[in-house]
Amino acid sequence: MLIAVLKSKIHRVRITQVDLDYVGSLTLDRDLMDAAGLLPYEQVHVLNVNTGARIETYLIEGPRGSGIVGLNGPAARTGMVGDLVIVIAYAWLTPEEAHSHKPIVIFPREGNRL
């Protein structure tokens, strides 16, 4: 049996752009992705602290050091520039693996900087 456990969490970054006409996804500063151990096209959940909206999408790599957190396509309807969001990814592990697993949790500062 496998269980879903927290793999990575980026706690409270601000949305910097929304683009309804984009294909869809979450654009994220590559520095944030690396710090949280996230990969391009990886599935993530985005939790909007301001509205309570919760969506599931995938990551698109944004420019390093840009601070970009962009909701694209239909996801753009779930938040506004300035909203705080939490980005979460899960991993499937056996219960035995889960006992020793340590998730990566980062707390960026203002401007979505490390």
N, C-alpha and C. Protein backbone atom coordinates (compact mmCIF):
# COMPACT_ATOMS: atom_id res chain seq x y z
N MET A 1 0.84 -1.17 0.00
CA MET A 1 0.00 0.00 0.00
C MET A 1 0.88 1.24 0.00
N LEU A 2 0.46 2.26 -0.74
CA LEU A 2 1.14 3.55 -0.75
C LEU A 2 0.22 4.60 -0.15
N ILE A 3 0.82 5.57 0.53
CA ILE A 3 0.06 6.69 1.07
C ILE A 3 0.65 7.99 0.56
N ALA A 4 -0.19 9.02 0.41
CA ALA A 4 0.28 10.34 -0.03
C ALA A 4 0.74 11.12 1.19
N VAL A 5 1.97 11.61 1.14
CA VAL A 5 2.51 12.42 2.24
C VAL A 5 3.09 13.72 1.65
N LEU A 6 3.17 14.72 2.49
CA LEU A 6 3.73 16.00 2.07
C LEU A 6 5.17 15.80 1.61
N LYS A 7 5.46 16.25 0.39
CA LYS A 7 6.82 16.20 -0.16
C LYS A 7 7.48 17.57 -0.05
N SER A 8 6.75 18.59 -0.51
CA SER A 8 7.29 19.95 -0.58
C SER A 8 6.20 20.96 -0.27
N LYS A 9 6.61 22.06 0.37
CA LYS A 9 5.65 23.13 0.66
C LYS A 9 6.36 24.47 0.56
N ILE A 10 5.75 25.37 -0.19
CA ILE A 10 6.20 26.77 -0.24
C ILE A 10 5.12 27.54 0.50
N HIS A 11 5.46 28.05 1.66
CA HIS A 11 4.47 28.65 2.54
C HIS A 11 4.34 30.16 2.33
N ARG A 12 3.17 30.57 1.86
CA ARG A 12 2.77 31.97 1.78
C ARG A 12 3.65 32.82 0.86
N VAL A 13 3.47 32.62 -0.43
CA VAL A 13 4.04 33.52 -1.43
C VAL A 13 2.88 34.31 -2.04
N ARG A 14 3.21 35.45 -2.65
CA ARG A 14 2.17 36.30 -3.23
C ARG A 14 2.06 36.08 -4.73
N ILE A 15 0.84 36.02 -5.21
CA ILE A 15 0.61 35.96 -6.65
C ILE A 15 1.09 37.26 -7.26
N THR A 16 1.90 37.15 -8.31
CA THR A 16 2.44 38.33 -8.97
C THR A 16 1.81 38.58 -10.34
N GLN A 17 1.16 37.56 -10.90
CA GLN A 17 0.50 37.75 -12.19
C GLN A 17 -0.59 36.71 -12.37
N VAL A 18 -1.60 37.07 -13.15
CA VAL A 18 -2.64 36.14 -13.58
C VAL A 18 -2.79 36.33 -15.08
N ASP A 19 -2.91 35.22 -15.80
CA ASP A 19 -3.00 35.26 -17.26
C ASP A 19 -4.05 34.25 -17.73
N LEU A 20 -5.26 34.72 -17.88
CA LEU A 20 -6.37 33.86 -18.26
C LEU A 20 -6.18 33.23 -19.63
N ASP A 21 -5.49 33.90 -20.54
CA ASP A 21 -5.34 33.43 -21.91
C ASP A 21 -4.19 32.46 -22.11
N TYR A 22 -3.50 32.09 -21.04
CA TYR A 22 -2.41 31.12 -21.13
C TYR A 22 -3.00 29.71 -21.10
N VAL A 23 -2.26 28.74 -21.57
CA VAL A 23 -2.75 27.36 -21.64
C VAL A 23 -3.18 26.83 -20.28
N GLY A 24 -2.46 27.14 -19.22
CA GLY A 24 -2.83 26.70 -17.88
C GLY A 24 -1.66 26.15 -17.11
N SER A 25 -1.58 26.49 -15.84
CA SER A 25 -0.53 26.01 -14.94
C SER A 25 -0.23 27.05 -13.89
N LEU A 26 0.83 26.80 -13.13
CA LEU A 26 1.37 27.76 -12.18
C LEU A 26 2.81 28.05 -12.58
N THR A 27 3.11 29.29 -12.92
CA THR A 27 4.48 29.69 -13.20
C THR A 27 5.13 30.06 -11.88
N LEU A 28 6.32 29.50 -11.62
CA LEU A 28 6.99 29.71 -10.34
C LEU A 28 8.47 29.98 -10.57
N ASP A 29 8.97 30.97 -9.85
CA ASP A 29 10.40 31.31 -9.86
C ASP A 29 11.23 30.03 -9.67
N ARG A 30 12.19 29.80 -10.56
CA ARG A 30 13.00 28.57 -10.50
C ARG A 30 13.76 28.46 -9.18
N ASP A 31 14.15 29.58 -8.58
CA ASP A 31 14.83 29.52 -7.28
C ASP A 31 13.90 28.92 -6.22
N LEU A 32 12.63 29.29 -6.23
CA LEU A 32 11.66 28.72 -5.29
C LEU A 32 11.47 27.23 -5.55
N MET A 33 11.38 26.87 -6.83
CA MET A 33 11.22 25.46 -7.19
C MET A 33 12.38 24.63 -6.67
N ASP A 34 13.59 25.11 -6.92
CA ASP A 34 14.78 24.37 -6.48
C ASP A 34 14.83 24.24 -4.96
N ALA A 35 14.55 25.34 -4.26
CA ALA A 35 14.60 25.33 -2.81
C ALA A 35 13.60 24.34 -2.21
N ALA A 36 12.46 24.17 -2.88
CA ALA A 36 11.42 23.27 -2.39
C ALA A 36 11.51 21.87 -2.99
N GLY A 37 12.49 21.66 -3.87
CA GLY A 37 12.65 20.34 -4.48
C GLY A 37 11.55 20.01 -5.49
N LEU A 38 11.07 21.03 -6.20
CA LEU A 38 10.00 20.85 -7.19
C LEU A 38 10.56 20.89 -8.60
N LEU A 39 9.92 20.16 -9.50
CA LEU A 39 10.37 20.06 -10.89
C LEU A 39 9.36 20.65 -11.86
N PRO A 40 9.83 21.11 -13.02
CA PRO A 40 8.89 21.56 -14.05
C PRO A 40 7.89 20.46 -14.37
N TYR A 41 6.66 20.84 -14.54
CA TYR A 41 5.53 19.96 -14.88
C TYR A 41 5.09 19.06 -13.73
N GLU A 42 5.69 19.23 -12.56
CA GLU A 42 5.24 18.44 -11.41
C GLU A 42 3.85 18.91 -10.96
N GLN A 43 3.04 17.97 -10.53
CA GLN A 43 1.70 18.28 -10.03
C GLN A 43 1.80 18.97 -8.68
N VAL A 44 1.04 20.04 -8.50
CA VAL A 44 0.99 20.76 -7.23
C VAL A 44 -0.44 21.14 -6.89
N HIS A 45 -0.65 21.40 -5.63
CA HIS A 45 -1.90 21.98 -5.16
C HIS A 45 -1.57 23.42 -4.75
N VAL A 46 -2.46 24.33 -5.10
CA VAL A 46 -2.29 25.74 -4.77
C VAL A 46 -3.46 26.12 -3.86
N LEU A 47 -3.15 26.57 -2.65
CA LEU A 47 -4.16 26.94 -1.67
C LEU A 47 -4.13 28.45 -1.50
N ASN A 48 -5.23 29.11 -1.82
CA ASN A 48 -5.29 30.56 -1.74
C ASN A 48 -5.72 30.94 -0.32
N VAL A 49 -4.82 31.57 0.42
CA VAL A 49 -5.09 31.96 1.80
C VAL A 49 -6.19 33.02 1.85
N ASN A 50 -6.25 33.91 0.87
CA ASN A 50 -7.23 34.99 0.87
C ASN A 50 -8.65 34.52 0.58
N THR A 51 -8.80 33.57 -0.33
CA THR A 51 -10.15 33.18 -0.77
C THR A 51 -10.57 31.80 -0.32
N GLY A 52 -9.63 30.97 0.09
CA GLY A 52 -9.94 29.59 0.43
C GLY A 52 -9.96 28.65 -0.76
N ALA A 53 -9.75 29.19 -1.98
CA ALA A 53 -9.75 28.35 -3.19
C ALA A 53 -8.58 27.37 -3.13
N ARG A 54 -8.83 26.16 -3.61
CA ARG A 54 -7.81 25.11 -3.67
C ARG A 54 -7.86 24.53 -5.07
N ILE A 55 -6.73 24.55 -5.77
CA ILE A 55 -6.68 24.00 -7.12
C ILE A 55 -5.53 23.02 -7.25
N GLU A 56 -5.63 22.21 -8.27
CA GLU A 56 -4.59 21.26 -8.62
C GLU A 56 -4.13 21.60 -10.03
N THR A 57 -2.83 21.73 -10.22
CA THR A 57 -2.29 22.08 -11.54
C THR A 57 -0.86 21.55 -11.62
N TYR A 58 -0.09 22.09 -12.54
CA TYR A 58 1.30 21.67 -12.70
C TYR A 58 2.18 22.91 -12.79
N LEU A 59 3.48 22.71 -12.60
CA LEU A 59 4.43 23.82 -12.57
C LEU A 59 5.04 24.11 -13.93
N ILE A 60 5.21 25.39 -14.18
CA ILE A 60 6.00 25.89 -15.30
C ILE A 60 7.14 26.71 -14.70
N GLU A 61 8.33 26.47 -15.16
CA GLU A 61 9.51 27.17 -14.65
C GLU A 61 9.50 28.63 -15.05
N GLY A 62 9.63 29.51 -14.05
CA GLY A 62 9.76 30.94 -14.28
C GLY A 62 11.21 31.36 -14.13
N PRO A 63 11.54 32.57 -14.55
CA PRO A 63 12.92 33.04 -14.46
C PRO A 63 13.44 33.05 -13.02
N ARG A 64 14.70 32.64 -12.86
CA ARG A 64 15.35 32.65 -11.55
C ARG A 64 15.39 34.07 -10.98
N GLY A 65 15.11 34.17 -9.70
CA GLY A 65 15.22 35.45 -9.02
C GLY A 65 14.12 36.44 -9.35
N SER A 66 13.15 36.02 -10.14
CA SER A 66 12.09 36.94 -10.57
C SER A 66 11.00 37.12 -9.52
N GLY A 67 10.88 36.14 -8.62
CA GLY A 67 9.80 36.19 -7.64
C GLY A 67 8.44 35.86 -8.22
N ILE A 68 8.40 35.41 -9.46
CA ILE A 68 7.12 35.18 -10.13
C ILE A 68 6.34 34.03 -9.50
N VAL A 69 5.07 34.28 -9.28
CA VAL A 69 4.08 33.28 -8.89
C VAL A 69 2.87 33.63 -9.75
N GLY A 70 2.70 32.90 -10.85
CA GLY A 70 1.67 33.27 -11.83
C GLY A 70 0.63 32.19 -12.03
N LEU A 71 -0.63 32.57 -11.86
CA LEU A 71 -1.74 31.66 -12.16
C LEU A 71 -2.11 31.83 -13.62
N ASN A 72 -2.16 30.72 -14.33
CA ASN A 72 -2.40 30.75 -15.78
C ASN A 72 -3.64 29.96 -16.17
N GLY A 73 -4.25 30.35 -17.27
CA GLY A 73 -5.41 29.65 -17.79
C GLY A 73 -6.54 29.66 -16.78
N PRO A 74 -7.30 28.57 -16.67
CA PRO A 74 -8.42 28.53 -15.73
C PRO A 74 -8.00 28.83 -14.29
N ALA A 75 -6.76 28.48 -13.92
CA ALA A 75 -6.28 28.76 -12.57
C ALA A 75 -6.30 30.26 -12.27
N ALA A 76 -6.22 31.09 -13.30
CA ALA A 76 -6.22 32.54 -13.11
C ALA A 76 -7.52 33.03 -12.48
N ARG A 77 -8.57 32.25 -12.57
CA ARG A 77 -9.86 32.61 -11.97
C ARG A 77 -9.88 32.38 -10.46
N THR A 78 -8.85 31.75 -9.91
CA THR A 78 -8.87 31.37 -8.49
C THR A 78 -8.08 32.32 -7.60
N GLY A 79 -7.52 33.37 -8.15
CA GLY A 79 -6.76 34.31 -7.33
C GLY A 79 -6.50 35.60 -8.06
N MET A 80 -6.04 36.58 -7.29
CA MET A 80 -5.72 37.90 -7.83
C MET A 80 -4.29 38.25 -7.44
N VAL A 81 -3.69 39.15 -8.20
CA VAL A 81 -2.36 39.64 -7.85
C VAL A 81 -2.41 40.16 -6.42
N GLY A 82 -1.44 39.72 -5.62
CA GLY A 82 -1.36 40.12 -4.22
C GLY A 82 -1.89 39.09 -3.24
N ASP A 83 -2.71 38.14 -3.72
CA ASP A 83 -3.20 37.09 -2.84
C ASP A 83 -2.05 36.22 -2.34
N LEU A 84 -2.15 35.76 -1.11
CA LEU A 84 -1.19 34.82 -0.56
C LEU A 84 -1.61 33.41 -0.90
N VAL A 85 -0.64 32.60 -1.34
CA VAL A 85 -0.93 31.20 -1.65
C VAL A 85 0.12 30.30 -0.99
N ILE A 86 -0.27 29.05 -0.81
CA ILE A 86 0.61 28.01 -0.35
C ILE A 86 0.68 26.98 -1.47
N VAL A 87 1.88 26.57 -1.84
CA VAL A 87 2.07 25.59 -2.92
C VAL A 87 2.55 24.30 -2.28
N ILE A 88 1.83 23.20 -2.57
CA ILE A 88 2.11 21.92 -1.93
C ILE A 88 2.25 20.82 -2.99
N ALA A 89 3.22 19.94 -2.79
CA ALA A 89 3.35 18.73 -3.61
C ALA A 89 3.40 17.53 -2.66
N TYR A 90 2.86 16.42 -3.14
CA TYR A 90 2.81 15.20 -2.35
C TYR A 90 3.64 14.11 -3.03
N ALA A 91 4.04 13.12 -2.24
CA ALA A 91 4.75 11.95 -2.76
C ALA A 91 4.02 10.71 -2.27
N TRP A 92 4.07 9.67 -3.09
CA TRP A 92 3.48 8.39 -2.70
C TRP A 92 4.58 7.51 -2.12
N LEU A 93 4.42 7.14 -0.85
CA LEU A 93 5.41 6.34 -0.14
C LEU A 93 4.72 5.16 0.55
N THR A 94 5.51 4.15 0.84
CA THR A 94 4.98 3.08 1.69
C THR A 94 4.91 3.64 3.12
N PRO A 95 4.09 3.06 3.98
CA PRO A 95 4.07 3.52 5.37
C PRO A 95 5.45 3.45 6.03
N GLU A 96 6.22 2.45 5.66
CA GLU A 96 7.57 2.33 6.22
C GLU A 96 8.45 3.51 5.78
N GLU A 97 8.38 3.86 4.50
CA GLU A 97 9.16 5.01 4.00
C GLU A 97 8.68 6.31 4.65
N ALA A 98 7.38 6.41 4.86
CA ALA A 98 6.80 7.63 5.41
C ALA A 98 7.31 7.93 6.82
N HIS A 99 7.63 6.90 7.58
CA HIS A 99 8.11 7.10 8.95
C HIS A 99 9.42 7.88 9.00
N SER A 100 10.27 7.72 8.01
CA SER A 100 11.56 8.43 8.02
C SER A 100 11.59 9.61 7.05
N HIS A 101 10.51 9.83 6.31
CA HIS A 101 10.46 10.92 5.33
C HIS A 101 10.40 12.28 6.02
N LYS A 102 11.16 13.22 5.49
CA LYS A 102 11.15 14.61 5.98
C LYS A 102 10.81 15.52 4.80
N PRO A 103 9.66 16.17 4.84
CA PRO A 103 9.31 17.06 3.72
C PRO A 103 10.19 18.31 3.72
N ILE A 104 10.26 18.95 2.57
CA ILE A 104 10.96 20.22 2.43
C ILE A 104 9.91 21.32 2.55
N VAL A 105 10.09 22.21 3.52
CA VAL A 105 9.17 23.33 3.71
C VAL A 105 9.99 24.61 3.71
N ILE A 106 9.62 25.54 2.83
CA ILE A 106 10.34 26.82 2.77
C ILE A 106 9.38 27.97 3.09
N PHE A 107 9.94 29.03 3.63
CA PHE A 107 9.18 30.20 4.05
C PHE A 107 9.79 31.44 3.39
N PRO A 108 9.45 31.71 2.14
CA PRO A 108 10.02 32.87 1.45
C PRO A 108 9.66 34.18 2.16
N ARG A 109 10.51 35.16 1.98
CA ARG A 109 10.24 36.48 2.57
C ARG A 109 9.52 37.36 1.55
N GLU A 110 9.34 38.60 1.89
CA GLU A 110 8.64 39.54 1.01
C GLU A 110 9.25 39.55 -0.38
N GLY A 111 8.42 39.68 -1.39
CA GLY A 111 8.88 39.65 -2.76
C GLY A 111 9.10 38.24 -3.28
N ASN A 112 8.63 37.24 -2.53
CA ASN A 112 8.79 35.84 -2.90
C ASN A 112 10.26 35.45 -3.05
N ARG A 113 11.09 36.02 -2.20
CA ARG A 113 12.53 35.75 -2.22
C ARG A 113 12.90 34.77 -1.11
N LEU A 114 13.96 34.01 -1.37
CA LEU A 114 14.44 33.05 -0.37
C LEU A 114 15.15 33.77 0.77
